[in-house]
PDB file of N, CA and C in Angstrom:
ATOM      1  N   UNK A   1     -20.095 -36.344  31.836  1.00  0.00           N
ATOM      2  CA  UNK A   1     -18.223 -36.431  31.726  1.00  0.00           C
ATOM      3  C   UNK A   1     -18.057 -36.774  30.301  1.00  0.00           C
ATOM      4  N   UNK A   2     -16.942 -36.113  29.722  1.00  0.00           N
ATOM      5  CA  UNK A   2     -16.668 -36.547  28.417  1.00  0.00           C
ATOM      6  C   UNK A   2     -15.683 -37.639  28.728  1.00  0.00           C
ATOM      7  N   UNK A   3     -15.905 -38.326  27.713  1.00  0.00           N
ATOM      8  CA  UNK A   3     -15.494 -39.944  27.673  1.00  0.00           C
ATOM      9  C   UNK A   3     -13.711 -39.613  27.338  1.00  0.00           C
ATOM     10  N   UNK A   4     -13.520 -40.388  27.537  1.00  0.00           N
ATOM     11  CA  UNK A   4     -11.795 -40.831  26.886  1.00  0.00           C
ATOM     12  C   UNK A   4     -11.374 -40.319  25.717  1.00  0.00           C
ATOM     13  N   UNK A   5     -12.370 -40.799  24.863  1.00  0.00           N
ATOM     14  CA  UNK A   5     -11.935 -40.471  23.379  1.00  0.00           C
ATOM     15  C   UNK A   5     -12.135 -39.006  22.980  1.00  0.00           C
ATOM     16  N   UNK A   6     -13.054 -38.227  23.865  1.00  0.00           N
ATOM     17  CA  UNK A   6     -13.537 -36.997  23.148  1.00  0.00           C
ATOM     18  C   UNK A   6     -12.080 -36.142  23.377  1.00  0.00           C
ATOM     19  N   UNK A   7     -10.963 -36.511  24.213  1.00  0.00           N
ATOM     20  CA  UNK A   7      -9.811 -35.789  24.066  1.00  0.00           C
ATOM     21  C   UNK A   7      -8.714 -36.718  23.137  1.00  0.00           C
ATOM     22  N   UNK A   8      -8.317 -35.788  22.327  1.00  0.00           N
ATOM     23  CA  UNK A   8      -7.174 -36.706  21.413  1.00  0.00           C
ATOM     24  C   UNK A   8      -5.869 -37.311  22.371  1.00  0.00           C
ATOM     25  N   UNK A   9      -5.469 -38.730  22.101  1.00  0.00           N
ATOM     26  CA  UNK A   9      -3.591 -38.794  22.842  1.00  0.00           C
ATOM     27  C   UNK A   9      -2.909 -37.943  22.123  1.00  0.00           C
ATOM     28  N   UNK A  10      -1.984 -37.364  23.151  1.00  0.00           N
ATOM     29  CA  UNK A  10      -0.981 -36.322  22.436  1.00  0.00           C
ATOM     30  C   UNK A  10      -0.372 -37.154  21.128  1.00  0.00           C
ATOM     31  N   UNK A  11      -0.273 -38.450  20.921  1.00  0.00           N
ATOM     32  CA  UNK A  11       0.425 -38.742  19.661  1.00  0.00           C
ATOM     33  C   UNK A  11      -0.573 -38.486  18.503  1.00  0.00           C
ATOM     34  N   UNK A  12      -2.108 -37.997  18.787  1.00  0.00           N
ATOM     35  CA  UNK A  12      -2.672 -37.702  17.939  1.00  0.00           C
ATOM     36  C   UNK A  12      -3.116 -36.204  17.606  1.00  0.00           C
ATOM     37  N   UNK A  13      -2.025 -35.397  18.075  1.00  0.00           N
ATOM     38  CA  UNK A  13      -1.935 -34.343  18.033  1.00  0.00           C
ATOM     39  C   UNK A  13      -0.618 -33.484  17.703  1.00  0.00           C
ATOM     40  N   UNK A  14      -0.671 -32.299  17.171  1.00  0.00           N
ATOM     41  CA  UNK A  14       0.567 -31.703  16.811  1.00  0.00           C
ATOM     42  C   UNK A  14       0.752 -30.290  17.260  1.00  0.00           C
ATOM     43  N   UNK A  15       2.217 -30.090  17.728  1.00  0.00           N
ATOM     44  CA  UNK A  15       2.373 -29.005  18.461  1.00  0.00           C
ATOM     45  C   UNK A  15       2.867 -27.946  17.426  1.00  0.00           C
ATOM     46  N   UNK A  16       2.042 -26.639  17.540  1.00  0.00           N
ATOM     47  CA  UNK A  16       2.520 -25.682  16.447  1.00  0.00           C
ATOM     48  C   UNK A  16       2.900 -24.415  17.238  1.00  0.00           C
ATOM     49  N   UNK A  17       4.080 -24.202  16.211  1.00  0.00           N
ATOM     50  CA  UNK A  17       5.011 -23.081  17.160  1.00  0.00           C
ATOM     51  C   UNK A  17       4.926 -21.845  16.318  1.00  0.00           C
ATOM     52  N   UNK A  18       4.279 -20.746  16.486  1.00  0.00           N
ATOM     53  CA  UNK A  18       3.866 -19.617  15.608  1.00  0.00           C
ATOM     54  C   UNK A  18       5.217 -18.598  15.955  1.00  0.00           C
ATOM     55  N   UNK A  19       5.553 -17.987  15.007  1.00  0.00           N
ATOM     56  CA  UNK A  19       6.889 -17.151  15.063  1.00  0.00           C
ATOM     57  C   UNK A  19       6.434 -15.834  14.097  1.00  0.00           C
ATOM     58  N   UNK A  20       6.439 -14.729  14.599  1.00  0.00           N
ATOM     59  CA  UNK A  20       5.876 -13.445  13.846  1.00  0.00           C
ATOM     60  C   UNK A  20       7.018 -12.506  14.001  1.00  0.00           C
ATOM     61  N   UNK A  21       7.549 -11.736  12.702  1.00  0.00           N
ATOM     62  CA  UNK A  21       8.786 -10.832  13.187  1.00  0.00           C
ATOM     63  C   UNK A  21       8.050  -9.465  12.431  1.00  0.00           C
ATOM     64  N   UNK A  22       8.587  -8.412  13.139  1.00  0.00           N
ATOM     65  CA  UNK A  22       8.240  -6.960  12.818  1.00  0.00           C
ATOM     66  C   UNK A  22       9.773  -6.565  12.701  1.00  0.00           C
ATOM     67  N   UNK A  23      10.228  -6.317  11.362  1.00  0.00           N
ATOM     68  CA  UNK A  23      11.632  -5.764  11.238  1.00  0.00           C
ATOM     69  C   UNK A  23      11.788  -4.541  11.332  1.00  0.00           C
ATOM     70  N   UNK A  24      12.898  -4.185  11.602  1.00  0.00           N
ATOM     71  CA  UNK A  24      13.140  -2.581  11.749  1.00  0.00           C
ATOM     72  C   UNK A  24      13.120  -1.994  10.847  1.00  0.00           C
ATOM     73  N   UNK A  25      12.805  -0.323  10.508  1.00  0.00           N
ATOM     74  CA  UNK A  25      12.628   0.089   9.331  1.00  0.00           C
ATOM     75  C   UNK A  25      13.613   0.031   8.602  1.00  0.00           C
ATOM     76  N   UNK A  26      14.846   0.209   9.027  1.00  0.00           N
ATOM     77  CA  UNK A  26      15.820   0.160   8.025  1.00  0.00           C
ATOM     78  C   UNK A  26      16.574  -1.063   7.512  1.00  0.00           C
ATOM     79  N   UNK A  27      15.782  -2.097   7.993  1.00  0.00           N
ATOM     80  CA  UNK A  27      16.367  -3.457   6.998  1.00  0.00           C
ATOM     81  C   UNK A  27      15.986  -3.591   5.926  1.00  0.00           C
ATOM     82  N   UNK A  28      17.239  -4.049   5.109  1.00  0.00           N
ATOM     83  CA  UNK A  28      17.088  -4.103   3.455  1.00  0.00           C
ATOM     84  C   UNK A  28      16.190  -4.968   3.302  1.00  0.00           C
ATOM     85  N   UNK A  29      15.140  -5.459   2.340  1.00  0.00           N
ATOM     86  CA  UNK A  29      14.599  -6.442   1.643  1.00  0.00           C
ATOM     87  C   UNK A  29      15.763  -7.674   1.268  1.00  0.00           C
ATOM     88  N   UNK A  30      16.716  -7.287   1.067  1.00  0.00           N
ATOM     89  CA  UNK A  30      18.112  -8.377   0.887  1.00  0.00           C
ATOM     90  C   UNK A  30      17.924  -8.939   2.357  1.00  0.00           C
ATOM     91  N   UNK A  31      18.069  -8.395   3.271  1.00  0.00           N
ATOM     92  CA  UNK A  31      18.259  -9.175   4.699  1.00  0.00           C
ATOM     93  C   UNK A  31      16.968  -9.599   5.007  1.00  0.00           C
ATOM     94  N   UNK A  32      16.109  -9.466   4.659  1.00  0.00           N
ATOM     95  CA  UNK A  32      14.495 -10.116   4.934  1.00  0.00           C
ATOM     96  C   UNK A  32      14.748 -11.279   4.525  1.00  0.00           C
ATOM     97  N   UNK A  33      14.940 -11.178   3.305  1.00  0.00           N
ATOM     98  CA  UNK A  33      15.028 -12.473   1.982  1.00  0.00           C
ATOM     99  C   UNK A  33      16.127 -13.451   2.841  1.00  0.00           C
ATOM    100  N   UNK A  34      17.091 -12.748   3.012  1.00  0.00           N
ATOM    101  CA  UNK A  34      18.401 -13.820   4.197  1.00  0.00           C
ATOM    102  C   UNK A  34      17.655 -14.122   5.101  1.00  0.00           C
ATOM    103  N   UNK A  35      17.104 -13.724   6.124  1.00  0.00           N
ATOM    104  CA  UNK A  35      16.367 -14.338   7.060  1.00  0.00           C
ATOM    105  C   UNK A  35      15.141 -15.350   6.945  1.00  0.00           C
ATOM    106  N   UNK A  36      14.394 -14.897   5.822  1.00  0.00           N
ATOM    107  CA  UNK A  36      13.482 -16.308   5.153  1.00  0.00           C
ATOM    108  C   UNK A  36      14.287 -17.235   4.727  1.00  0.00           C
ATOM    109  N   UNK A  37      15.120 -17.138   4.109  1.00  0.00           N
ATOM    110  CA  UNK A  37      15.626 -18.373   3.431  1.00  0.00           C
ATOM    111  C   UNK A  37      16.642 -18.932   4.722  1.00  0.00           C
ATOM    112  N   UNK A  38      17.036 -18.448   5.748  1.00  0.00           N
ATOM    113  CA  UNK A  38      17.680 -19.462   6.883  1.00  0.00           C
ATOM    114  C   UNK A  38      16.847 -19.901   7.926  1.00  0.00           C
ATOM    115  N   UNK A  39      15.540 -18.912   8.191  1.00  0.00           N
ATOM    116  CA  UNK A  39      14.378 -20.150   8.566  1.00  0.00           C
ATOM    117  C   UNK A  39      13.854 -21.238   7.951  1.00  0.00           C
ATOM    118  N   UNK A  40      13.504 -21.104   6.596  1.00  0.00           N
ATOM    119  CA  UNK A  40      12.958 -22.099   5.602  1.00  0.00           C
ATOM    120  C   UNK A  40      14.140 -23.417   5.751  1.00  0.00           C
ATOM    121  N   UNK A  41      15.526 -22.914   5.875  1.00  0.00           N
ATOM    122  CA  UNK A  41      16.579 -24.193   5.372  1.00  0.00           C
ATOM    123  C   UNK A  41      16.393 -25.166   7.298  1.00  0.00           C
ATOM    124  N   UNK A  42      15.805 -24.473   8.233  1.00  0.00           N
ATOM    125  CA  UNK A  42      15.946 -25.146   9.703  1.00  0.00           C
ATOM    126  C   UNK A  42      15.572 -26.466   9.464  1.00  0.00           C
ATOM    127  N   UNK A  43      14.284 -26.567   8.806  1.00  0.00           N
ATOM    128  CA  UNK A  43      13.914 -28.175   8.532  1.00  0.00           C
ATOM    129  C   UNK A  43      14.892 -29.233   8.158  1.00  0.00           C
ATOM    130  N   UNK A  44      15.660 -28.701   7.280  1.00  0.00           N
ATOM    131  CA  UNK A  44      16.625 -30.039   6.890  1.00  0.00           C
ATOM    132  C   UNK A  44      17.884 -29.966   7.727  1.00  0.00           C
ATOM    133  N   UNK A  45      17.930 -28.955   9.069  1.00  0.00           N
ATOM    134  CA  UNK A  45      19.091 -29.089   9.855  1.00  0.00           C
ATOM    135  C   UNK A  45      18.487 -29.550  11.167  1.00  0.00           C
ATOM    136  N   UNK A  46      17.165 -29.704  11.356  1.00  0.00           N
ATOM    137  CA  UNK A  46      16.791 -30.309  12.868  1.00  0.00           C
ATOM    138  C   UNK A  46      15.657 -31.108  12.522  1.00  0.00           C
ATOM    139  N   UNK A  47      16.109 -32.612  12.851  1.00  0.00           N
ATOM    140  CA  UNK A  47      14.987 -33.039  12.482  1.00  0.00           C
ATOM    141  C   UNK A  47      13.676 -33.161  13.383  1.00  0.00           C
ATOM    142  N   UNK A  48      13.658 -32.767  14.567  1.00  0.00           N
ATOM    143  CA  UNK A  48      12.549 -32.587  15.308  1.00  0.00           C
ATOM    144  C   UNK A  48      11.307 -31.611  14.720  1.00  0.00           C
ATOM    145  N   UNK A  49      11.673 -30.918  13.560  1.00  0.00           N
ATOM    146  CA  UNK A  49      10.702 -30.516  12.995  1.00  0.00           C
ATOM    147  C   UNK A  49      10.072 -31.255  12.032  1.00  0.00           C
ATOM    148  N   UNK A  50       8.686 -31.350  12.573  1.00  0.00           N
ATOM    149  CA  UNK A  50       7.552 -32.279  11.602  1.00  0.00           C
ATOM    150  C   UNK A  50       7.336 -31.606  10.504  1.00  0.00           C
ATOM    151  N   UNK A  51       6.951 -30.294  10.461  1.00  0.00           N
ATOM    152  CA  UNK A  51       6.482 -29.604   9.358  1.00  0.00           C
ATOM    153  C   UNK A  51       6.756 -28.004   9.406  1.00  0.00           C
ATOM    154  N   UNK A  52       6.680 -27.215   8.078  1.00  0.00           N
ATOM    155  CA  UNK A  52       7.270 -25.988   8.307  1.00  0.00           C
ATOM    156  C   UNK A  52       6.472 -25.373   7.113  1.00  0.00           C
ATOM    157  N   UNK A  53       6.005 -23.815   7.541  1.00  0.00           N
ATOM    158  CA  UNK A  53       5.336 -23.047   6.463  1.00  0.00           C
ATOM    159  C   UNK A  53       5.663 -21.643   6.784  1.00  0.00           C
ATOM    160  N   UNK A  54       5.507 -20.798   5.896  1.00  0.00           N
ATOM    161  CA  UNK A  54       5.486 -19.338   6.287  1.00  0.00           C
ATOM    162  C   UNK A  54       4.897 -18.697   5.316  1.00  0.00           C
ATOM    163  N   UNK A  55       4.446 -17.174   5.469  1.00  0.00           N
ATOM    164  CA  UNK A  55       3.874 -16.083   4.561  1.00  0.00           C
ATOM    165  C   UNK A  55       4.072 -15.039   5.353  1.00  0.00           C
ATOM    166  N   UNK A  56       3.786 -13.765   4.530  1.00  0.00           N
ATOM    167  CA  UNK A  56       3.903 -12.543   4.706  1.00  0.00           C
ATOM    168  C   UNK A  56       2.268 -12.210   5.116  1.00  0.00           C
ATOM    169  N   UNK A  57       2.350 -11.065   6.298  1.00  0.00           N
ATOM    170  CA  UNK A  57       1.034 -10.930   6.364  1.00  0.00           C
ATOM    171  C   UNK A  57       0.159 -10.000   5.475  1.00  0.00           C
ATOM    172  N   UNK A  58      -1.123 -10.501   5.314  1.00  0.00           N
ATOM    173  CA  UNK A  58      -1.596  -9.661   4.257  1.00  0.00           C
ATOM    174  C   UNK A  58      -3.400  -9.609   4.950  1.00  0.00           C
ATOM    175  N   UNK A  59      -3.411  -9.425   6.123  1.00  0.00           N
ATOM    176  CA  UNK A  59      -4.954  -9.492   6.533  1.00  0.00           C
ATOM    177  C   UNK A  59      -5.719  -7.849   6.319  1.00  0.00           C
ATOM    178  N   UNK A  60      -6.525  -7.832   6.042  1.00  0.00           N
ATOM    179  CA  UNK A  60      -7.328  -6.642   5.420  1.00  0.00           C
ATOM    180  C   UNK A  60      -7.671  -6.018   6.830  1.00  0.00           C
ATOM    181  N   UNK A  61      -7.556  -6.680   8.139  1.00  0.00           N
ATOM    182  CA  UNK A  61      -8.215  -5.932   9.275  1.00  0.00           C
ATOM    183  C   UNK A  61      -7.170  -5.135   9.891  1.00  0.00           C
ATOM    184  N   UNK A  62      -6.061  -4.926   9.413  1.00  0.00           N
ATOM    185  CA  UNK A  62      -5.472  -3.691   9.738  1.00  0.00           C
ATOM    186  C   UNK A  62      -4.889  -3.904  11.406  1.00  0.00           C
ATOM    187  N   UNK A  63      -4.246  -5.199  11.838  1.00  0.00           N
ATOM    188  CA  UNK A  63      -4.372  -5.422  13.352  1.00  0.00           C
ATOM    189  C   UNK A  63      -3.113  -6.214  13.491  1.00  0.00           C
ATOM    190  N   UNK A  64      -2.142  -6.224  12.564  1.00  0.00           N
ATOM    191  CA  UNK A  64      -1.202  -6.667  12.484  1.00  0.00           C
ATOM    192  C   UNK A  64       0.224  -6.328  13.568  1.00  0.00           C
ATOM    193  N   UNK A  65      -0.183  -5.313  14.042  1.00  0.00           N
ATOM    194  CA  UNK A  65       1.050  -4.141  14.762  1.00  0.00           C
ATOM    195  C   UNK A  65       2.115  -4.342  14.248  1.00  0.00           C
ATOM    196  N   UNK A  66       2.023  -4.064  12.799  1.00  0.00           N
ATOM    197  CA  UNK A  66       3.832  -3.955  12.042  1.00  0.00           C
ATOM    198  C   UNK A  66       4.409  -5.391  11.905  1.00  0.00           C
ATOM    199  N   UNK A  67       3.801  -6.541  12.591  1.00  0.00           N
ATOM    200  CA  UNK A  67       4.568  -7.811  12.538  1.00  0.00           C
ATOM    201  C   UNK A  67       4.078  -8.275  10.566  1.00  0.00           C
ATOM    202  N   UNK A  68       5.211  -8.363   9.993  1.00  0.00           N
ATOM    203  CA  UNK A  68       5.155  -8.867   8.683  1.00  0.00           C
ATOM    204  C   UNK A  68       5.403 -10.162   8.349  1.00  0.00           C
ATOM    205  N   UNK A  69       6.057 -10.947   8.879  1.00  0.00           N
ATOM    206  CA  UNK A  69       6.536 -12.265   8.540  1.00  0.00           C
ATOM    207  C   UNK A  69       5.815 -13.370   9.692  1.00  0.00           C
ATOM    208  N   UNK A  70       5.341 -14.299   9.166  1.00  0.00           N
ATOM    209  CA  UNK A  70       4.705 -15.304   9.919  1.00  0.00           C
ATOM    210  C   UNK A  70       4.921 -16.643   9.299  1.00  0.00           C
ATOM    211  N   UNK A  71       5.872 -17.097  10.621  1.00  0.00           N
ATOM    212  CA  UNK A  71       6.455 -18.725  10.116  1.00  0.00           C
ATOM    213  C   UNK A  71       5.725 -19.729  11.468  1.00  0.00           C
ATOM    214  N   UNK A  72       5.272 -20.986  10.806  1.00  0.00           N
ATOM    215  CA  UNK A  72       4.634 -21.913  11.414  1.00  0.00           C
ATOM    216  C   UNK A  72       5.463 -22.884  11.697  1.00  0.00           C
ATOM    217  N   UNK A  73       6.280 -23.379  12.723  1.00  0.00           N
ATOM    218  CA  UNK A  73       7.061 -24.780  12.910  1.00  0.00           C
ATOM    219  C   UNK A  73       6.056 -25.768  13.593  1.00  0.00           C
ATOM    220  N   UNK A  74       5.949 -26.863  12.996  1.00  0.00           N
ATOM    221  CA  UNK A  74       4.998 -27.811  13.841  1.00  0.00           C
ATOM    222  C   UNK A  74       6.131 -29.023  14.414  1.00  0.00           C
ATOM    223  N   UNK A  75       5.637 -29.655  15.559  1.00  0.00           N
ATOM    224  CA  UNK A  75       6.289 -30.454  16.303  1.00  0.00           C
ATOM    225  C   UNK A  75       5.422 -31.482  16.810  1.00  0.00           C
ATOM    226  N   UNK A  76       5.976 -32.804  16.844  1.00  0.00           N
ATOM    227  CA  UNK A  76       5.149 -33.987  17.059  1.00  0.00           C
ATOM    228  C   UNK A  76       4.925 -33.993  18.534  1.00  0.00           C
ATOM    229  N   UNK A  77       5.869 -33.542  19.376  1.00  0.00           N
ATOM    230  CA  UNK A  77       5.522 -33.873  20.884  1.00  0.00           C
ATOM    231  C   UNK A  77       6.386 -32.754  21.354  1.00  0.00           C
ATOM    232  N   UNK A  78       6.138 -32.276  22.780  1.00  0.00           N
ATOM    233  CA  UNK A  78       6.854 -31.163  23.567  1.00  0.00           C
ATOM    234  C   UNK A  78       8.599 -31.524  23.322  1.00  0.00           C
ATOM    235  N   UNK A  79       8.752 -32.742  23.679  1.00  0.00           N
ATOM    236  CA  UNK A  79      10.562 -33.137  23.536  1.00  0.00           C
ATOM    237  C   UNK A  79      10.734 -32.849  22.032  1.00  0.00           C
ATOM    238  N   UNK A  80      10.495 -32.458  21.201  1.00  0.00           N
ATOM    239  CA  UNK A  80      10.534 -32.421  19.823  1.00  0.00           C
ATOM    240  C   UNK A  80      10.843 -30.717  20.022  1.00  0.00           C
ATOM    241  N   UNK A  81       9.843 -29.829  20.473  1.00  0.00           N
ATOM    242  CA  UNK A  81      10.129 -28.772  20.882  1.00  0.00           C
ATOM    243  C   UNK A  81      11.197 -28.282  21.636  1.00  0.00           C
ATOM    244  N   UNK A  82      11.576 -29.158  22.605  1.00  0.00           N
ATOM    245  CA  UNK A  82      12.696 -29.019  23.449  1.00  0.00           C
ATOM    246  C   UNK A  82      13.917 -29.491  22.920  1.00  0.00           C
ATOM    247  N   UNK A  83      13.774 -30.017  21.991  1.00  0.00           N
ATOM    248  CA  UNK A  83      15.158 -30.545  21.013  1.00  0.00           C
ATOM    249  C   UNK A  83      15.255 -29.104  20.049  1.00  0.00           C
ATOM    250  N   UNK A  84      14.440 -28.467  19.466  1.00  0.00           N
ATOM    251  CA  UNK A  84      14.658 -27.511  18.464  1.00  0.00           C
ATOM    252  C   UNK A  84      15.114 -26.105  19.330  1.00  0.00           C
ATOM    253  N   UNK A  85      14.461 -25.899  20.309  1.00  0.00           N
ATOM    254  CA  UNK A  85      14.767 -24.518  21.194  1.00  0.00           C
ATOM    255  C   UNK A  85      16.338 -24.644  21.035  1.00  0.00           C
ATOM    256  N   UNK A  86      17.064 -25.170  21.853  1.00  0.00           N
ATOM    257  CA  UNK A  86      18.491 -25.292  21.836  1.00  0.00           C
ATOM    258  C   UNK A  86      19.280 -25.540  20.944  1.00  0.00           C
ATOM    259  N   UNK A  87      18.956 -26.077  19.940  1.00  0.00           N
ATOM    260  CA  UNK A  87      19.515 -26.926  18.722  1.00  0.00           C
ATOM    261  C   UNK A  87      20.360 -25.920  18.199  1.00  0.00           C
ATOM    262  N   UNK A  88      21.821 -26.241  18.027  1.00  0.00           N
ATOM    263  CA  UNK A  88      22.707 -25.490  17.472  1.00  0.00           C
ATOM    264  C   UNK A  88      22.356 -24.172  16.189  1.00  0.00           C
ATOM    265  N   UNK A  89      21.756 -24.765  15.272  1.00  0.00           N
ATOM    266  CA  UNK A  89      21.071 -24.626  14.109  1.00  0.00           C
ATOM    267  C   UNK A  89      19.906 -23.545  14.261  1.00  0.00           C
ATOM    268  N   UNK A  90      19.096 -23.661  15.438  1.00  0.00           N
ATOM    269  CA  UNK A  90      18.210 -22.552  15.916  1.00  0.00           C
ATOM    270  C   UNK A  90      19.168 -21.605  16.456  1.00  0.00           C
ATOM    271  N   UNK A  91      19.814 -21.823  17.313  1.00  0.00           N
ATOM    272  CA  UNK A  91      20.378 -20.787  18.082  1.00  0.00           C
ATOM    273  C   UNK A  91      21.397 -19.685  16.864  1.00  0.00           C
ATOM    274  N   UNK A  92      21.752 -20.428  16.098  1.00  0.00           N
ATOM    275  CA  UNK A  92      22.581 -19.577  14.924  1.00  0.00           C
ATOM    276  C   UNK A  92      21.710 -18.686  14.174  1.00  0.00           C
ATOM    277  N   UNK A  93      20.541 -19.143  13.992  1.00  0.00           N
ATOM    278  CA  UNK A  93      19.422 -18.452  13.279  1.00  0.00           C
ATOM    279  C   UNK A  93      18.914 -17.236  14.414  1.00  0.00           C
ATOM    280  N   UNK A  94      18.438 -17.599  15.565  1.00  0.00           N
ATOM    281  CA  UNK A  94      18.211 -16.380  16.427  1.00  0.00           C
ATOM    282  C   UNK A  94      19.219 -15.471  16.536  1.00  0.00           C
ATOM    283  N   UNK A  95      20.576 -15.655  16.492  1.00  0.00           N
ATOM    284  CA  UNK A  95      21.569 -14.766  16.459  1.00  0.00           C
ATOM    285  C   UNK A  95      21.602 -13.519  15.212  1.00  0.00           C
ATOM    286  N   UNK A  96      21.550 -14.444  14.265  1.00  0.00           N
ATOM    287  CA  UNK A  96      20.927 -13.672  12.781  1.00  0.00           C
ATOM    288  C   UNK A  96      19.810 -12.664  12.871  1.00  0.00           C
ATOM    289  N   UNK A  97      18.935 -13.275  13.321  1.00  0.00           N
ATOM    290  CA  UNK A  97      17.562 -12.361  13.480  1.00  0.00           C
ATOM    291  C   UNK A  97      17.595 -11.197  14.515  1.00  0.00           C
ATOM    292  N   UNK A  98      18.052 -11.622  15.655  1.00  0.00           N
ATOM    293  CA  UNK A  98      18.220 -10.533  16.674  1.00  0.00           C
ATOM    294  C   UNK A  98      18.545  -8.934  16.457  1.00  0.00           C
ATOM    295  N   UNK A  99      19.559  -8.869  15.654  1.00  0.00           N
ATOM    296  CA  UNK A  99      19.758  -7.263  15.163  1.00  0.00           C
ATOM    297  C   UNK A  99      19.010  -6.796  14.289  1.00  0.00           C
ATOM    298  N   UNK A 100      17.810  -7.402  13.751  1.00  0.00           N
ATOM    299  CA  UNK A 100      16.826  -6.889  12.760  1.00  0.00           C
ATOM    300  C   UNK A 100      15.703  -6.724  12.951  1.00  0.00           C
ATOM    301  N   UNK A 101      15.216  -7.109  14.162  1.00  0.00           N
ATOM    302  CA  UNK A 101      13.921  -7.077  14.318  1.00  0.00           C
ATOM    303  C   UNK A 101      13.484  -6.086  15.511  1.00  0.00           C
ATOM    304  N   UNK A 102      12.703  -5.530  15.280  1.00  0.00           N
ATOM    305  CA  UNK A 102      12.244  -4.505  16.367  1.00  0.00           C
ATOM    306  C   UNK A 102      11.056  -5.418  17.408  1.00  0.00           C
ATOM    307  N   UNK A 103      10.253  -6.258  16.809  1.00  0.00           N
ATOM    308  CA  UNK A 103       9.473  -6.953  17.522  1.00  0.00           C
ATOM    309  C   UNK A 103       9.385  -8.362  17.278  1.00  0.00           C
ATOM    310  N   UNK A 104       9.189  -9.519  18.061  1.00  0.00           N
ATOM    311  CA  UNK A 104       8.945 -11.186  17.896  1.00  0.00           C
ATOM    312  C   UNK A 104       7.779 -11.314  18.615  1.00  0.00           C
ATOM    313  N   UNK A 105       6.780 -11.824  18.126  1.00  0.00           N
ATOM    314  CA  UNK A 105       5.705 -12.657  18.937  1.00  0.00           C
ATOM    315  C   UNK A 105       5.700 -14.090  18.706  1.00  0.00           C
ATOM    316  N   UNK A 106       5.735 -14.908  19.790  1.00  0.00           N
ATOM    317  CA  UNK A 106       5.815 -16.465  19.893  1.00  0.00           C
ATOM    318  C   UNK A 106       4.592 -16.758  20.323  1.00  0.00           C
ATOM    319  N   UNK A 107       3.702 -17.534  19.851  1.00  0.00           N
ATOM    320  CA  UNK A 107       2.688 -18.643  20.589  1.00  0.00           C
ATOM    321  C   UNK A 107       2.809 -19.685  20.165  1.00  0.00           C
ATOM    322  N   UNK A 108       2.550 -20.794  21.110  1.00  0.00           N
ATOM    323  CA  UNK A 108       2.759 -22.345  20.657  1.00  0.00           C
ATOM    324  C   UNK A 108       1.151 -22.996  20.991  1.00  0.00           C
ATOM    325  N   UNK A 109       0.786 -23.923  20.579  1.00  0.00           N
ATOM    326  CA  UNK A 109      -0.468 -24.481  20.927  1.00  0.00           C
ATOM    327  C   UNK A 109      -0.569 -25.831  20.430  1.00  0.00           C
ATOM    328  N   UNK A 110      -1.322 -26.825  20.902  1.00  0.00           N
ATOM    329  CA  UNK A 110      -1.737 -28.007  20.291  1.00  0.00           C
ATOM    330  C   UNK A 110      -2.916 -28.149  19.659  1.00  0.00           C
ATOM    331  N   UNK A 111      -2.881 -28.893  18.519  1.00  0.00           N
ATOM    332  CA  UNK A 111      -3.936 -29.182  17.857  1.00  0.00           C
ATOM    333  C   UNK A 111      -4.614 -30.504  17.446  1.00  0.00           C
ATOM    334  N   UNK A 112      -5.517 -30.785  17.053  1.00  0.00           N
ATOM    335  CA  UNK A 112      -5.510 -32.095  16.525  1.00  0.00           C
ATOM    336  C   UNK A 112      -5.296 -32.216  15.430  1.00  0.00           C
ATOM    337  N   UNK A 113      -4.618 -33.457  14.604  1.00  0.00           N
ATOM    338  CA  UNK A 113      -4.058 -33.610  13.635  1.00  0.00           C
ATOM    339  C   UNK A 113      -5.398 -33.348  12.035  1.00  0.00           C
TER     340      UNK A 113
END
């Protein structure tokens, strides 16, 4: 049987929230830049965000299914994620993004620090 030490306590783990966007074909680069700028501004507006990074898809495997922009939002707890999701700044961002995305993929997972 695994010892208690083999599974880190929640305080020793981070909750990763991955968001990938596939933009509609007619969306301008300027609009995409506006979306990226708005997403990167969220950590300054929402204290529950522990860390944030993003980048454009560049895998040589050709398995991205048209998803071009990847964002990684990190939380210290499920409570922080629960604060983030309904937060007015996040909801305002969702309203900005919805009309211009053809698809969105979201996945969350716990990781050791």
